[in-house]
Amino acid sequence: MKIIYSNYLPVKGFRAINLFGIVFARKEHKTLDKRVLNHEAIHTRQILELWVVGFYVWYITEWVFKWIRYGERYRAYREIGFEREAFAHDIDLHYLKRRKRYAFRRYL
């Protein structure tokens, strides 16, 4: 997984963002720990399963609807199905080896 350290991506308050399988990390975090890298690897698998564009359309649409529902951007982000799967399993470094395709559906 390619990692690019940046002053601009992701926005402040986040450590990393996965864009098209490339992880952008805030420079102030210097190195990403295994948990964060695993979290982003889970997103990469989700991205590939939905043929890239489908992932981002779904992600943004779900975030907007949840933002409207909860009235809070950060809570909306944490409630996105893709994020729920990634946060639930980012500590398990072997999760991707046994993960079934489209496993994110369980978190919708």
PDB file of N, CA and C in Angstrom:
ATOM      1  N   MET A   1       0.853  -1.166   0.000  1.00  0.00           N
ATOM      2  CA  MET A   1       0.000   0.000   0.000  1.00  0.00           C
ATOM      3  C   MET A   1       0.905   1.237   0.000  1.00  0.00           C
ATOM      4  N   LYS A   2       0.636   2.135  -0.913  1.00  0.00           N
ATOM      5  CA  LYS A   2       1.425   3.358  -1.018  1.00  0.00           C
ATOM      6  C   LYS A   2       0.904   4.382  -0.006  1.00  0.00           C
ATOM      7  N   ILE A   3       1.836   5.023   0.696  1.00  0.00           N
ATOM      8  CA  ILE A   3       1.486   6.039   1.690  1.00  0.00           C
ATOM      9  C   ILE A   3       2.188   7.339   1.309  1.00  0.00           C
ATOM     10  N   ILE A   4       1.421   8.412   1.263  1.00  0.00           N
ATOM     11  CA  ILE A   4       1.962   9.739   0.970  1.00  0.00           C
ATOM     12  C   ILE A   4       1.655  10.630   2.166  1.00  0.00           C
ATOM     13  N   TYR A   5       2.685  11.253   2.722  1.00  0.00           N
ATOM     14  CA  TYR A   5       2.497  12.158   3.846  1.00  0.00           C
ATOM     15  C   TYR A   5       2.286  13.567   3.317  1.00  0.00           C
ATOM     16  N   SER A   6       1.289  14.245   3.870  1.00  0.00           N
ATOM     17  CA  SER A   6       0.863  15.531   3.338  1.00  0.00           C
ATOM     18  C   SER A   6       0.502  16.500   4.466  1.00  0.00           C
ATOM     19  N   ASN A   7       0.590  17.781   4.173  1.00  0.00           N
ATOM     20  CA  ASN A   7       0.144  18.814   5.112  1.00  0.00           C
ATOM     21  C   ASN A   7      -1.346  19.094   4.949  1.00  0.00           C
ATOM     22  N   TYR A   8      -1.938  18.615   3.864  1.00  0.00           N
ATOM     23  CA  TYR A   8      -3.309  18.996   3.510  1.00  0.00           C
ATOM     24  C   TYR A   8      -4.329  17.862   3.561  1.00  0.00           C
ATOM     25  N   LEU A   9      -3.901  16.656   3.274  1.00  0.00           N
ATOM     26  CA  LEU A   9      -4.799  15.507   3.276  1.00  0.00           C
ATOM     27  C   LEU A   9      -4.341  14.521   4.327  1.00  0.00           C
ATOM     28  N   PRO A  10      -5.233  14.001   5.103  1.00  0.00           N
ATOM     29  CA  PRO A  10      -6.646  14.358   5.217  1.00  0.00           C
ATOM     30  C   PRO A  10      -6.801  15.670   5.979  1.00  0.00           C
ATOM     31  N   VAL A  11      -8.027  16.116   6.140  1.00  0.00           N
ATOM     32  CA  VAL A  11      -8.266  17.340   6.887  1.00  0.00           C
ATOM     33  C   VAL A  11      -7.843  17.127   8.336  1.00  0.00           C
ATOM     34  N   LYS A  12      -7.546  18.213   9.023  1.00  0.00           N
ATOM     35  CA  LYS A  12      -7.134  18.111  10.428  1.00  0.00           C
ATOM     36  C   LYS A  12      -8.183  17.358  11.240  1.00  0.00           C
ATOM     37  N   GLY A  13      -7.691  16.571  12.169  1.00  0.00           N
ATOM     38  CA  GLY A  13      -8.564  15.757  13.000  1.00  0.00           C
ATOM     39  C   GLY A  13      -8.582  14.296  12.573  1.00  0.00           C
ATOM     40  N   PHE A  14      -8.045  14.013  11.393  1.00  0.00           N
ATOM     41  CA  PHE A  14      -7.966  12.644  10.884  1.00  0.00           C
ATOM     42  C   PHE A  14      -6.510  12.308  10.613  1.00  0.00           C
ATOM     43  N   ARG A  15      -6.156  11.042  10.768  1.00  0.00           N
ATOM     44  CA  ARG A  15      -4.781  10.610  10.517  1.00  0.00           C
ATOM     45  C   ARG A  15      -4.530  10.269   9.061  1.00  0.00           C
ATOM     46  N   ALA A  16      -5.515   9.600   8.448  1.00  0.00           N
ATOM     47  CA  ALA A  16      -5.283   9.088   7.095  1.00  0.00           C
ATOM     48  C   ALA A  16      -6.588   9.059   6.311  1.00  0.00           C
ATOM     49  N   ILE A  17      -6.433   9.093   4.996  1.00  0.00           N
ATOM     50  CA  ILE A  17      -7.563   8.937   4.081  1.00  0.00           C
ATOM     51  C   ILE A  17      -7.082   8.076   2.926  1.00  0.00           C
ATOM     52  N   ASN A  18      -7.941   7.185   2.476  1.00  0.00           N
ATOM     53  CA  ASN A  18      -7.615   6.270   1.392  1.00  0.00           C
ATOM     54  C   ASN A  18      -8.312   6.775   0.131  1.00  0.00           C
ATOM     55  N   LEU A  19      -7.534   7.228  -0.821  1.00  0.00           N
ATOM     56  CA  LEU A  19      -8.082   7.695  -2.090  1.00  0.00           C
ATOM     57  C   LEU A  19      -7.562   6.805  -3.210  1.00  0.00           C
ATOM     58  N   PHE A  20      -8.447   6.009  -3.755  1.00  0.00           N
ATOM     59  CA  PHE A  20      -8.132   5.128  -4.874  1.00  0.00           C
ATOM     60  C   PHE A  20      -7.004   4.152  -4.555  1.00  0.00           C
ATOM     61  N   GLY A  21      -6.968   3.702  -3.297  1.00  0.00           N
ATOM     62  CA  GLY A  21      -5.961   2.734  -2.891  1.00  0.00           C
ATOM     63  C   GLY A  21      -4.645   3.349  -2.449  1.00  0.00           C
ATOM     64  N   ILE A  22      -4.543   4.664  -2.480  1.00  0.00           N
ATOM     65  CA  ILE A  22      -3.350   5.370  -1.999  1.00  0.00           C
ATOM     66  C   ILE A  22      -3.724   6.036  -0.682  1.00  0.00           C
ATOM     67  N   VAL A  23      -2.932   5.817   0.339  1.00  0.00           N
ATOM     68  CA  VAL A  23      -3.212   6.376   1.660  1.00  0.00           C
ATOM     69  C   VAL A  23      -2.461   7.695   1.811  1.00  0.00           C
ATOM     70  N   PHE A  24      -3.213   8.747   2.108  1.00  0.00           N
ATOM     71  CA  PHE A  24      -2.634  10.048   2.414  1.00  0.00           C
ATOM     72  C   PHE A  24      -2.703  10.214   3.921  1.00  0.00           C
ATOM     73  N   ALA A  25      -1.571  10.578   4.540  1.00  0.00           N
ATOM     74  CA  ALA A  25      -1.501  10.722   5.998  1.00  0.00           C
ATOM     75  C   ALA A  25      -0.980  12.103   6.348  1.00  0.00           C
ATOM     76  N   ARG A  26      -1.456  12.639   7.457  1.00  0.00           N
ATOM     77  CA  ARG A  26      -0.983  13.940   7.933  1.00  0.00           C
ATOM     78  C   ARG A  26       0.490  13.824   8.308  1.00  0.00           C
ATOM     79  N   LYS A  27       1.297  14.799   7.898  1.00  0.00           N
ATOM     80  CA  LYS A  27       2.730  14.779   8.194  1.00  0.00           C
ATOM     81  C   LYS A  27       3.025  14.747   9.688  1.00  0.00           C
ATOM     82  N   GLU A  28       2.177  15.399  10.475  1.00  0.00           N
ATOM     83  CA  GLU A  28       2.463  15.450  11.912  1.00  0.00           C
ATOM     84  C   GLU A  28       2.357  14.080  12.581  1.00  0.00           C
ATOM     85  N   HIS A  29       1.790  13.085  11.910  1.00  0.00           N
ATOM     86  CA  HIS A  29       1.690  11.745  12.492  1.00  0.00           C
ATOM     87  C   HIS A  29       2.912  10.881  12.170  1.00  0.00           C
ATOM     88  N   LYS A  30       3.829  11.392  11.378  1.00  0.00           N
ATOM     89  CA  LYS A  30       5.099  10.752  11.026  1.00  0.00           C
ATOM     90  C   LYS A  30       4.944   9.342  10.468  1.00  0.00           C
ATOM     91  N   THR A  31       4.598   8.370  11.282  1.00  0.00           N
ATOM     92  CA  THR A  31       4.366   7.019  10.777  1.00  0.00           C
ATOM     93  C   THR A  31       3.001   6.532  11.265  1.00  0.00           C
ATOM     94  N   LEU A  32       2.385   5.708  10.458  1.00  0.00           N
ATOM     95  CA  LEU A  32       1.082   5.147  10.814  1.00  0.00           C
ATOM     96  C   LEU A  32       1.289   3.793  11.473  1.00  0.00           C
ATOM     97  N   ASP A  33       0.559   3.540  12.541  1.00  0.00           N
ATOM     98  CA  ASP A  33       0.700   2.250  13.217  1.00  0.00           C
ATOM     99  C   ASP A  33      -0.029   1.150  12.436  1.00  0.00           C
ATOM    100  N   LYS A  34       0.197  -0.084  12.857  1.00  0.00           N
ATOM    101  CA  LYS A  34      -0.368  -1.243  12.150  1.00  0.00           C
ATOM    102  C   LYS A  34      -1.887  -1.215  12.118  1.00  0.00           C
ATOM    103  N   ARG A  35      -2.500  -0.727  13.186  1.00  0.00           N
ATOM    104  CA  ARG A  35      -3.957  -0.654  13.239  1.00  0.00           C
ATOM    105  C   ARG A  35      -4.507   0.279  12.168  1.00  0.00           C
ATOM    106  N   VAL A  36      -3.905   1.441  12.023  1.00  0.00           N
ATOM    107  CA  VAL A  36      -4.360   2.402  11.010  1.00  0.00           C
ATOM    108  C   VAL A  36      -4.116   1.841   9.606  1.00  0.00           C
ATOM    109  N   LEU A  37      -2.972   1.233   9.392  1.00  0.00           N
ATOM    110  CA  LEU A  37      -2.680   0.641   8.083  1.00  0.00           C
ATOM    111  C   LEU A  37      -3.670  -0.476   7.762  1.00  0.00           C
ATOM    112  N   ASN A  38      -4.029  -1.277   8.749  1.00  0.00           N
ATOM    113  CA  ASN A  38      -5.000  -2.342   8.535  1.00  0.00           C
ATOM    114  C   ASN A  38      -6.376  -1.748   8.228  1.00  0.00           C
ATOM    115  N   HIS A  39      -6.746  -0.703   8.941  1.00  0.00           N
ATOM    116  CA  HIS A  39      -8.016  -0.011   8.694  1.00  0.00           C
ATOM    117  C   HIS A  39      -8.074   0.440   7.234  1.00  0.00           C
ATOM    118  N   GLU A  40      -7.009   1.040   6.767  1.00  0.00           N
ATOM    119  CA  GLU A  40      -6.971   1.530   5.381  1.00  0.00           C
ATOM    120  C   GLU A  40      -6.915   0.375   4.377  1.00  0.00           C
ATOM    121  N   ALA A  41      -6.286  -0.727   4.742  1.00  0.00           N
ATOM    122  CA  ALA A  41      -6.263  -1.905   3.867  1.00  0.00           C
ATOM    123  C   ALA A  41      -7.673  -2.486   3.714  1.00  0.00           C
ATOM    124  N   ILE A  42      -8.453  -2.449   4.780  1.00  0.00           N
ATOM    125  CA  ILE A  42      -9.849  -2.895   4.702  1.00  0.00           C
ATOM    126  C   ILE A  42     -10.606  -2.007   3.721  1.00  0.00           C
ATOM    127  N   HIS A  43     -10.369  -0.701   3.796  1.00  0.00           N
ATOM    128  CA  HIS A  43     -11.007   0.209   2.839  1.00  0.00           C
ATOM    129  C   HIS A  43     -10.569  -0.088   1.404  1.00  0.00           C
ATOM    130  N   THR A  44      -9.302  -0.407   1.217  1.00  0.00           N
ATOM    131  CA  THR A  44      -8.836  -0.735  -0.136  1.00  0.00           C
ATOM    132  C   THR A  44      -9.595  -1.931  -0.688  1.00  0.00           C
ATOM    133  N   ARG A  45      -9.827  -2.939   0.133  1.00  0.00           N
ATOM    134  CA  ARG A  45     -10.594  -4.108  -0.304  1.00  0.00           C
ATOM    135  C   ARG A  45     -12.021  -3.701  -0.660  1.00  0.00           C
ATOM    136  N   GLN A  46     -12.635  -2.861   0.154  1.00  0.00           N
ATOM    137  CA  GLN A  46     -13.984  -2.382  -0.121  1.00  0.00           C
ATOM    138  C   GLN A  46     -14.020  -1.596  -1.444  1.00  0.00           C
ATOM    139  N   ILE A  47     -13.017  -0.762  -1.643  1.00  0.00           N
ATOM    140  CA  ILE A  47     -12.925   0.042  -2.871  1.00  0.00           C
ATOM    141  C   ILE A  47     -12.883  -0.871  -4.089  1.00  0.00           C
ATOM    142  N   LEU A  48     -12.058  -1.902  -4.031  1.00  0.00           N
ATOM    143  CA  LEU A  48     -11.921  -2.826  -5.164  1.00  0.00           C
ATOM    144  C   LEU A  48     -13.210  -3.604  -5.410  1.00  0.00           C
ATOM    145  N   GLU A  49     -13.894  -3.988  -4.340  1.00  0.00           N
ATOM    146  CA  GLU A  49     -15.139  -4.748  -4.490  1.00  0.00           C
ATOM    147  C   GLU A  49     -16.226  -3.936  -5.194  1.00  0.00           C
ATOM    148  N   LEU A  50     -16.198  -2.638  -5.011  1.00  0.00           N
ATOM    149  CA  LEU A  50     -17.229  -1.787  -5.623  1.00  0.00           C
ATOM    150  C   LEU A  50     -16.700  -1.003  -6.819  1.00  0.00           C
ATOM    151  N   TRP A  51     -15.615  -1.464  -7.368  1.00  0.00           N
ATOM    152  CA  TRP A  51     -15.044  -0.914  -8.594  1.00  0.00           C
ATOM    153  C   TRP A  51     -14.753   0.579  -8.475  1.00  0.00           C
ATOM    154  N   VAL A  52     -14.191   0.979  -7.403  1.00  0.00           N
ATOM    155  CA  VAL A  52     -13.719   2.327  -7.092  1.00  0.00           C
ATOM    156  C   VAL A  52     -14.851   3.359  -7.062  1.00  0.00           C
ATOM    157  N   VAL A  53     -15.415   3.674  -8.197  1.00  0.00           N
ATOM    158  CA  VAL A  53     -16.431   4.727  -8.274  1.00  0.00           C
ATOM    159  C   VAL A  53     -17.636   4.384  -7.405  1.00  0.00           C
ATOM    160  N   GLY A  54     -18.069   3.132  -7.444  1.00  0.00           N
ATOM    161  CA  GLY A  54     -19.203   2.710  -6.633  1.00  0.00           C
ATOM    162  C   GLY A  54     -18.962   2.929  -5.152  1.00  0.00           C
ATOM    163  N   PHE A  55     -17.740   2.669  -4.716  1.00  0.00           N
ATOM    164  CA  PHE A  55     -17.403   2.880  -3.306  1.00  0.00           C
ATOM    165  C   PHE A  55     -17.591   4.336  -2.908  1.00  0.00           C
ATOM    166  N   TYR A  56     -17.024   5.241  -3.701  1.00  0.00           N
ATOM    167  CA  TYR A  56     -17.075   6.658  -3.328  1.00  0.00           C
ATOM    168  C   TYR A  56     -18.487   7.238  -3.443  1.00  0.00           C
ATOM    169  N   VAL A  57     -19.242   6.800  -4.434  1.00  0.00           N
ATOM    170  CA  VAL A  57     -20.629   7.262  -4.558  1.00  0.00           C
ATOM    171  C   VAL A  57     -21.421   6.800  -3.339  1.00  0.00           C
ATOM    172  N   TRP A  58     -21.286   5.528  -2.987  1.00  0.00           N
ATOM    173  CA  TRP A  58     -21.994   4.962  -1.835  1.00  0.00           C
ATOM    174  C   TRP A  58     -21.547   5.649  -0.544  1.00  0.00           C
ATOM    175  N   TYR A  59     -20.231   5.792  -0.370  1.00  0.00           N
ATOM    176  CA  TYR A  59     -19.659   6.378   0.839  1.00  0.00           C
ATOM    177  C   TYR A  59     -20.203   7.787   1.067  1.00  0.00           C
ATOM    178  N   ILE A  60     -20.107   8.624   0.047  1.00  0.00           N
ATOM    179  CA  ILE A  60     -20.543  10.017   0.182  1.00  0.00           C
ATOM    180  C   ILE A  60     -22.054  10.106   0.383  1.00  0.00           C
ATOM    181  N   THR A  61     -22.806   9.308  -0.365  1.00  0.00           N
ATOM    182  CA  THR A  61     -24.266   9.309  -0.224  1.00  0.00           C
ATOM    183  C   THR A  61     -24.671   8.891   1.188  1.00  0.00           C
ATOM    184  N   GLU A  62     -24.074   7.816   1.681  1.00  0.00           N
ATOM    185  CA  GLU A  62     -24.406   7.346   3.027  1.00  0.00           C
ATOM    186  C   GLU A  62     -24.025   8.397   4.070  1.00  0.00           C
ATOM    187  N   TRP A  63     -22.870   9.036   3.896  1.00  0.00           N
ATOM    188  CA  TRP A  63     -22.434  10.064   4.836  1.00  0.00           C
ATOM    189  C   TRP A  63     -23.413  11.239   4.868  1.00  0.00           C
ATOM    190  N   VAL A  64     -23.863  11.688   3.707  1.00  0.00           N
ATOM    191  CA  VAL A  64     -24.807  12.810   3.645  1.00  0.00           C
ATOM    192  C   VAL A  64     -26.119  12.447   4.352  1.00  0.00           C
ATOM    193  N   PHE A  65     -26.657  11.278   4.053  1.00  0.00           N
ATOM    194  CA  PHE A  65     -27.903  10.866   4.693  1.00  0.00           C
ATOM    195  C   PHE A  65     -27.752  10.749   6.213  1.00  0.00           C
ATOM    196  N   LYS A  66     -26.621  10.221   6.652  1.00  0.00           N
ATOM    197  CA  LYS A  66     -26.414  10.072   8.096  1.00  0.00           C
ATOM    198  C   LYS A  66     -26.139  11.421   8.756  1.00  0.00           C
ATOM    199  N   TRP A  67     -25.528  12.338   8.036  1.00  0.00           N
ATOM    200  CA  TRP A  67     -25.311  13.688   8.560  1.00  0.00           C
ATOM    201  C   TRP A  67     -26.667  14.369   8.775  1.00  0.00           C
ATOM    202  N   ILE A  68     -27.552  14.205   7.804  1.00  0.00           N
ATOM    203  CA  ILE A  68     -28.905  14.757   7.944  1.00  0.00           C
ATOM    204  C   ILE A  68     -29.608  14.094   9.130  1.00  0.00           C
ATOM    205  N   ARG A  69     -29.470  12.780   9.246  1.00  0.00           N
ATOM    206  CA  ARG A  69     -30.150  12.036  10.313  1.00  0.00           C
ATOM    207  C   ARG A  69     -29.647  12.413  11.706  1.00  0.00           C
ATOM    208  N   TYR A  70     -28.311  12.469  11.863  1.00  0.00           N
ATOM    209  CA  TYR A  70     -27.730  12.699  13.181  1.00  0.00           C
ATOM    210  C   TYR A  70     -27.392  14.161  13.454  1.00  0.00           C
ATOM    211  N   GLY A  71     -27.272  14.961  12.407  1.00  0.00           N
ATOM    212  CA  GLY A  71     -26.967  16.377  12.576  1.00  0.00           C
ATOM    213  C   GLY A  71     -25.543  16.670  12.997  1.00  0.00           C
ATOM    214  N   GLU A  72     -24.672  15.673  12.878  1.00  0.00           N
ATOM    215  CA  GLU A  72     -23.283  15.839  13.284  1.00  0.00           C
ATOM    216  C   GLU A  72     -22.385  15.115  12.279  1.00  0.00           C
ATOM    217  N   ARG A  73     -21.457  15.833  11.688  1.00  0.00           N
ATOM    218  CA  ARG A  73     -20.605  15.261  10.636  1.00  0.00           C
ATOM    219  C   ARG A  73     -19.757  14.094  11.116  1.00  0.00           C
ATOM    220  N   TYR A  74     -19.123  14.227  12.278  1.00  0.00           N
ATOM    221  CA  TYR A  74     -18.247  13.161  12.751  1.00  0.00           C
ATOM    222  C   TYR A  74     -19.031  11.893  13.080  1.00  0.00           C
ATOM    223  N   ARG A  75     -20.174  12.044  13.718  1.00  0.00           N
ATOM    224  CA  ARG A  75     -20.994  10.859  14.016  1.00  0.00           C
ATOM    225  C   ARG A  75     -21.451  10.205  12.722  1.00  0.00           C
ATOM    226  N   ALA A  76     -21.828  11.013  11.734  1.00  0.00           N
ATOM    227  CA  ALA A  76     -22.240  10.472  10.435  1.00  0.00           C
ATOM    228  C   ALA A  76     -21.109   9.642   9.829  1.00  0.00           C
ATOM    229  N   TYR A  77     -19.890  10.153   9.907  1.00  0.00           N
ATOM    230  CA  TYR A  77     -18.711   9.436   9.395  1.00  0.00           C
ATOM    231  C   TYR A  77     -18.544   8.090  10.106  1.00  0.00           C
ATOM    232  N   ARG A  78     -18.657   8.080  11.434  1.00  0.00           N
ATOM    233  CA  ARG A  78     -18.470   6.847  12.205  1.00  0.00           C
ATOM    234  C   ARG A  78     -19.564   5.821  11.957  1.00  0.00           C
ATOM    235  N   GLU A  79     -20.730   6.277  11.487  1.00  0.00           N
ATOM    236  CA  GLU A  79     -21.862   5.384  11.244  1.00  0.00           C
ATOM    237  C   GLU A  79     -21.914   4.830   9.818  1.00  0.00           C
ATOM    238  N   ILE A  80     -21.035   5.278   8.949  1.00  0.00           N
ATOM    239  CA  ILE A  80     -20.994   4.745   7.583  1.00  0.00           C
ATOM    240  C   ILE A  80     -20.636   3.258   7.668  1.00  0.00           C
ATOM    241  N   GLY A  81     -21.341   2.429   6.914  1.00  0.00           N
ATOM    242  CA  GLY A  81     -21.117   0.987   6.956  1.00  0.00           C
ATOM    243  C   GLY A  81     -19.675   0.589   6.696  1.00  0.00           C
ATOM    244  N   PHE A  82     -19.018   1.229   5.748  1.00  0.00           N
ATOM    245  CA  PHE A  82     -17.623   0.917   5.437  1.00  0.00           C
ATOM    246  C   PHE A  82     -16.728   1.209   6.649  1.00  0.00           C
ATOM    247  N   GLU A  83     -16.993   2.316   7.315  1.00  0.00           N
ATOM    248  CA  GLU A  83     -16.204   2.681   8.497  1.00  0.00           C
ATOM    249  C   GLU A  83     -16.501   1.742   9.657  1.00  0.00           C
ATOM    250  N   ARG A  84     -17.746   1.364   9.818  1.00  0.00           N
ATOM    251  CA  ARG A  84     -18.100   0.457  10.907  1.00  0.00           C
ATOM    252  C   ARG A  84     -17.361  -0.868  10.762  1.00  0.00           C
ATOM    253  N   GLU A  85     -17.293  -1.388   9.531  1.00  0.00           N
ATOM    254  CA  GLU A  85     -16.546  -2.629   9.323  1.00  0.00           C
ATOM    255  C   GLU A  85     -15.064  -2.413   9.620  1.00  0.00           C
ATOM    256  N   ALA A  86     -14.495  -1.347   9.088  1.00  0.00           N
ATOM    257  CA  ALA A  86     -13.064  -1.103   9.268  1.00  0.00           C
ATOM    258  C   ALA A  86     -12.706  -0.890  10.734  1.00  0.00           C
ATOM    259  N   PHE A  87     -13.501  -0.108  11.462  1.00  0.00           N
ATOM    260  CA  PHE A  87     -13.220   0.105  12.880  1.00  0.00           C
ATOM    261  C   PHE A  87     -13.431  -1.169  13.691  1.00  0.00           C
ATOM    262  N   ALA A  88     -14.387  -1.993  13.310  1.00  0.00           N
ATOM    263  CA  ALA A  88     -14.656  -3.231  14.046  1.00  0.00           C
ATOM    264  C   ALA A  88     -13.513  -4.231  13.923  1.00  0.00           C
ATOM    265  N   HIS A  89     -12.749  -4.153  12.835  1.00  0.00           N
ATOM    266  CA  HIS A  89     -11.735  -5.184  12.576  1.00  0.00           C
ATOM    267  C   HIS A  89     -10.320  -4.654  12.391  1.00  0.00           C
ATOM    268  N   ASP A  90     -10.095  -3.353  12.583  1.00  0.00           N
ATOM    269  CA  ASP A  90      -8.754  -2.829  12.306  1.00  0.00           C
ATOM    270  C   ASP A  90      -7.689  -3.345  13.261  1.00  0.00           C
ATOM    271  N   ILE A  91      -8.075  -3.807  14.423  1.00  0.00           N
ATOM    272  CA  ILE A  91      -7.103  -4.350  15.382  1.00  0.00           C
ATOM    273  C   ILE A  91      -6.686  -5.782  15.012  1.00  0.00           C
ATOM    274  N   ASP A  92      -7.521  -6.458  14.218  1.00  0.00           N
ATOM    275  CA  ASP A  92      -7.286  -7.852  13.815  1.00  0.00           C
ATOM    276  C   ASP A  92      -6.482  -7.864  12.511  1.00  0.00           C
ATOM    277  N   LEU A  93      -5.181  -8.053  12.626  1.00  0.00           N
ATOM    278  CA  LEU A  93      -4.299  -7.971  11.464  1.00  0.00           C
ATOM    279  C   LEU A  93      -4.472  -9.135  10.489  1.00  0.00           C
ATOM    280  N   HIS A  94      -5.262 -10.147  10.857  1.00  0.00           N
ATOM    281  CA  HIS A  94      -5.515 -11.284   9.974  1.00  0.00           C
ATOM    282  C   HIS A  94      -6.922 -11.253   9.379  1.00  0.00           C
ATOM    283  N   TYR A  95      -7.662 -10.212   9.661  1.00  0.00           N
ATOM    284  CA  TYR A  95      -9.059 -10.119   9.213  1.00  0.00           C
ATOM    285  C   TYR A  95      -9.190 -10.260   7.698  1.00  0.00           C
ATOM    286  N   LEU A  96      -8.360  -9.581   6.936  1.00  0.00           N
ATOM    287  CA  LEU A  96      -8.507  -9.613   5.476  1.00  0.00           C
ATOM    288  C   LEU A  96      -8.258 -10.998   4.885  1.00  0.00           C
ATOM    289  N   LYS A  97      -7.525 -11.849   5.585  1.00  0.00           N
ATOM    290  CA  LYS A  97      -7.267 -13.197   5.087  1.00  0.00           C
ATOM    291  C   LYS A  97      -8.522 -14.065   5.121  1.00  0.00           C
ATOM    292  N   ARG A  98      -9.420 -13.796   6.064  1.00  0.00           N
ATOM    293  CA  ARG A  98     -10.628 -14.616   6.187  1.00  0.00           C
ATOM    294  C   ARG A  98     -11.904 -13.853   5.832  1.00  0.00           C
ATOM    295  N   ARG A  99     -11.781 -12.594   5.509  1.00  0.00           N
ATOM    296  CA  ARG A  99     -12.947 -11.756   5.192  1.00  0.00           C
ATOM    297  C   ARG A  99     -13.605 -12.234   3.910  1.00  0.00           C
ATOM    298  N   LYS A 100     -14.929 -12.337   3.944  1.00  0.00           N
ATOM    299  CA  LYS A 100     -15.684 -12.700   2.748  1.00  0.00           C
ATOM    300  C   LYS A 100     -15.975 -11.455   1.926  1.00  0.00           C
ATOM    301  N   ARG A 101     -16.146 -11.656   0.634  1.00  0.00           N
ATOM    302  CA  ARG A 101     -16.467 -10.529  -0.244  1.00  0.00           C
ATOM    303  C   ARG A 101     -17.735  -9.831   0.225  1.00  0.00           C
ATOM    304  N   TYR A 102     -17.720  -8.524   0.091  1.00  0.00           N
ATOM    305  CA  TYR A 102     -18.867  -7.671   0.438  1.00  0.00           C
ATOM    306  C   TYR A 102     -19.268  -7.786   1.907  1.00  0.00           C
ATOM    307  N   ALA A 103     -18.312  -8.074   2.765  1.00  0.00           N
ATOM    308  CA  ALA A 103     -18.603  -8.222   4.201  1.00  0.00           C
ATOM    309  C   ALA A 103     -19.141  -6.926   4.814  1.00  0.00           C
ATOM    310  N   PHE A 104     -18.886  -5.797   4.180  1.00  0.00           N
ATOM    311  CA  PHE A 104     -19.372  -4.519   4.697  1.00  0.00           C
ATOM    312  C   PHE A 104     -20.894  -4.474   4.772  1.00  0.00           C
ATOM    313  N   ARG A 105     -21.579  -5.315   3.997  1.00  0.00           N
ATOM    314  CA  ARG A 105     -23.055  -5.312   3.983  1.00  0.00           C
ATOM    315  C   ARG A 105     -23.645  -5.573   5.372  1.00  0.00           C
ATOM    316  N   ARG A 106     -22.934  -6.335   6.182  1.00  0.00           N
ATOM    317  CA  ARG A 106     -23.417  -6.630   7.541  1.00  0.00           C
ATOM    318  C   ARG A 106     -23.449  -5.394   8.422  1.00  0.00           C
ATOM    319  N   TYR A 107     -22.760  -4.349   8.011  1.00  0.00           N
ATOM    320  CA  TYR A 107     -22.640  -3.144   8.840  1.00  0.00           C
ATOM    321  C   TYR A 107     -23.523  -2.000   8.351  1.00  0.00           C
ATOM    322  N   LEU A 108     -24.386  -2.268   7.386  1.00  0.00           N
ATOM    323  CA  LEU A 108     -25.249  -1.217   6.863  1.00  0.00           C
ATOM    324  C   LEU A 108     -26.435  -0.957   7.775  1.00  0.00           C
TER     325      LEU A 108
END
